[in-house]
């Protein structure tokens, strides 16, 4: 199987993404969600389109939709893993795409099946 790489620049940081690499996808998802750390940790300020957090969510949406269902499933699993790991902040993480007006190609709720 050939490896496909692409580079996404977010907030001046280049992220190298390898299609089909679950660990790579999760590190990318974690890096992008970390741009929203203030909202995730404290619930404020609300993310607004054009802000660094929403730019990161738009990039995550692009990653999730740009290279097929496997990548979207991987992004979904990584988001669900973040929600599980940071359970007290689950609602904040789950609402990020909606605040930013983007779709990740899946709905985040307690019963999300990424397959």
Protein backbone atom coordinates (compact mmCIF):
# COMPACT_ATOMS: atom_id res chain seq x y z
CA UNK A 1 0.00 0.00 0.00
CA UNK A 2 1.39 3.40 -0.92
CA UNK A 3 1.61 6.12 1.69
CA UNK A 4 -0.01 9.45 1.00
CA UNK A 5 1.30 12.51 2.80
CA UNK A 6 0.08 16.06 2.81
CA UNK A 7 0.99 19.17 4.73
CA UNK A 8 -1.56 21.40 6.39
CA UNK A 9 -0.50 24.74 7.86
CA UNK A 10 -2.50 25.80 10.90
CA UNK A 11 -1.73 28.96 12.81
CA UNK A 12 1.74 29.02 11.31
CA UNK A 13 2.51 25.40 12.24
CA UNK A 14 2.93 22.80 9.51
CA UNK A 15 1.30 19.48 10.30
CA UNK A 16 2.41 16.51 8.22
CA UNK A 17 -0.42 14.04 7.88
CA UNK A 18 -0.07 10.47 6.62
CA UNK A 19 -3.23 8.86 5.32
CA UNK A 20 -4.08 5.63 7.06
CA UNK A 21 -1.83 6.18 10.08
CA UNK A 22 -4.10 6.11 13.16
CA UNK A 23 -1.38 7.40 15.49
CA UNK A 24 -0.56 10.20 13.07
CA UNK A 25 -4.22 11.11 12.72
CA UNK A 26 -4.71 11.21 16.50
CA UNK A 27 -1.70 13.44 17.00
CA UNK A 28 -3.07 15.75 14.31
CA UNK A 29 -6.55 15.76 15.87
CA UNK A 30 -5.08 16.43 19.31
CA UNK A 31 -2.94 19.28 17.96
CA UNK A 32 -5.91 20.87 16.23
CA UNK A 33 -8.23 20.53 19.23
CA UNK A 34 -5.49 21.99 21.44
CA UNK A 35 -5.98 25.28 19.57
CA UNK A 36 -9.28 25.37 21.46
CA UNK A 37 -7.73 24.64 24.88
CA UNK A 38 -9.21 27.66 26.64
CA UNK A 39 -12.76 26.75 25.61
CA UNK A 40 -12.25 23.04 26.29
CA UNK A 41 -10.75 23.63 29.74
CA UNK A 42 -12.75 26.65 30.95
CA UNK A 43 -15.82 26.87 28.70
CA UNK A 44 -14.91 30.35 27.61
CA UNK A 45 -14.53 32.22 25.33
CA UNK A 46 -16.94 30.68 22.86
CA UNK A 47 -15.19 29.85 19.60
CA UNK A 48 -16.20 32.10 16.73
CA UNK A 49 -15.52 31.68 13.01
CA UNK A 50 -12.19 33.21 12.07
CA UNK A 51 -10.67 32.72 15.54
CA UNK A 52 -7.68 30.37 15.85
CA UNK A 53 -9.85 27.63 17.38
CA UNK A 54 -12.28 27.71 14.46
CA UNK A 55 -9.48 27.84 11.92
CA UNK A 56 -8.21 24.62 13.52
CA UNK A 57 -11.71 23.05 13.39
CA UNK A 58 -12.03 24.03 9.72
CA UNK A 59 -8.68 22.35 9.08
CA UNK A 60 -9.86 19.26 10.96
CA UNK A 61 -12.98 19.22 8.79
CA UNK A 62 -10.77 19.37 5.69
CA UNK A 63 -8.62 16.51 6.98
CA UNK A 64 -11.72 14.42 7.80
CA UNK A 65 -13.28 14.92 4.38
CA UNK A 66 -10.34 15.13 2.01
CA UNK A 67 -9.08 11.59 1.73
CA UNK A 68 -11.90 9.13 2.07
CA UNK A 69 -13.95 7.28 4.60
CA UNK A 70 -10.98 5.69 6.37
CA UNK A 71 -9.59 9.07 7.35
CA UNK A 72 -13.00 10.31 8.49
CA UNK A 73 -13.40 7.17 10.61
CA UNK A 74 -9.93 7.70 12.05
CA UNK A 75 -10.72 11.34 12.90
CA UNK A 76 -13.99 10.19 14.49
CA UNK A 77 -12.21 7.58 16.62
CA UNK A 78 -9.62 10.15 17.70
CA UNK A 79 -12.30 12.68 18.66
CA UNK A 80 -14.15 10.02 20.64
CA UNK A 81 -10.88 9.03 22.32
CA UNK A 82 -10.29 12.66 23.32
CA UNK A 83 -13.82 12.86 24.69
CA UNK A 84 -13.30 9.67 26.69
CA UNK A 85 -9.91 10.80 27.99
CA UNK A 86 -11.10 14.29 28.93
CA UNK A 87 -14.56 13.24 30.07
CA UNK A 88 -15.28 16.30 32.25
CA UNK A 89 -14.72 18.42 29.13
CA UNK A 90 -16.63 16.11 26.76
CA UNK A 91 -19.41 18.58 26.00
CA UNK A 92 -16.96 21.34 25.14
CA UNK A 93 -15.04 19.07 22.76
CA UNK A 94 -18.24 17.76 21.17
CA UNK A 95 -19.62 21.25 20.52
CA UNK A 96 -16.50 22.70 18.86
CA UNK A 97 -17.51 21.94 15.25
CA UNK A 98 -20.97 23.43 15.77
CA UNK A 99 -19.66 26.64 17.32
CA UNK A 100 -17.32 27.01 14.36
CA UNK A 101 -19.98 26.20 11.76
CA UNK A 102 -18.18 23.17 10.31
CA UNK A 103 -19.06 19.53 9.85
CA UNK A 104 -16.62 16.72 10.48
CA UNK A 105 -18.78 14.29 8.52
CA UNK A 106 -20.11 12.55 11.62
CA UNK A 107 -22.21 13.47 14.65
CA UNK A 108 -20.54 13.51 18.04
CA UNK A 109 -22.82 12.09 20.72
CA UNK A 110 -22.56 9.39 23.41
CA UNK A 111 -23.62 6.70 20.92
CA UNK A 112 -21.36 7.68 18.02
CA UNK A 113 -20.26 4.69 15.97
CA UNK A 114 -17.25 5.68 13.90
CA UNK A 115 -17.50 2.64 11.65
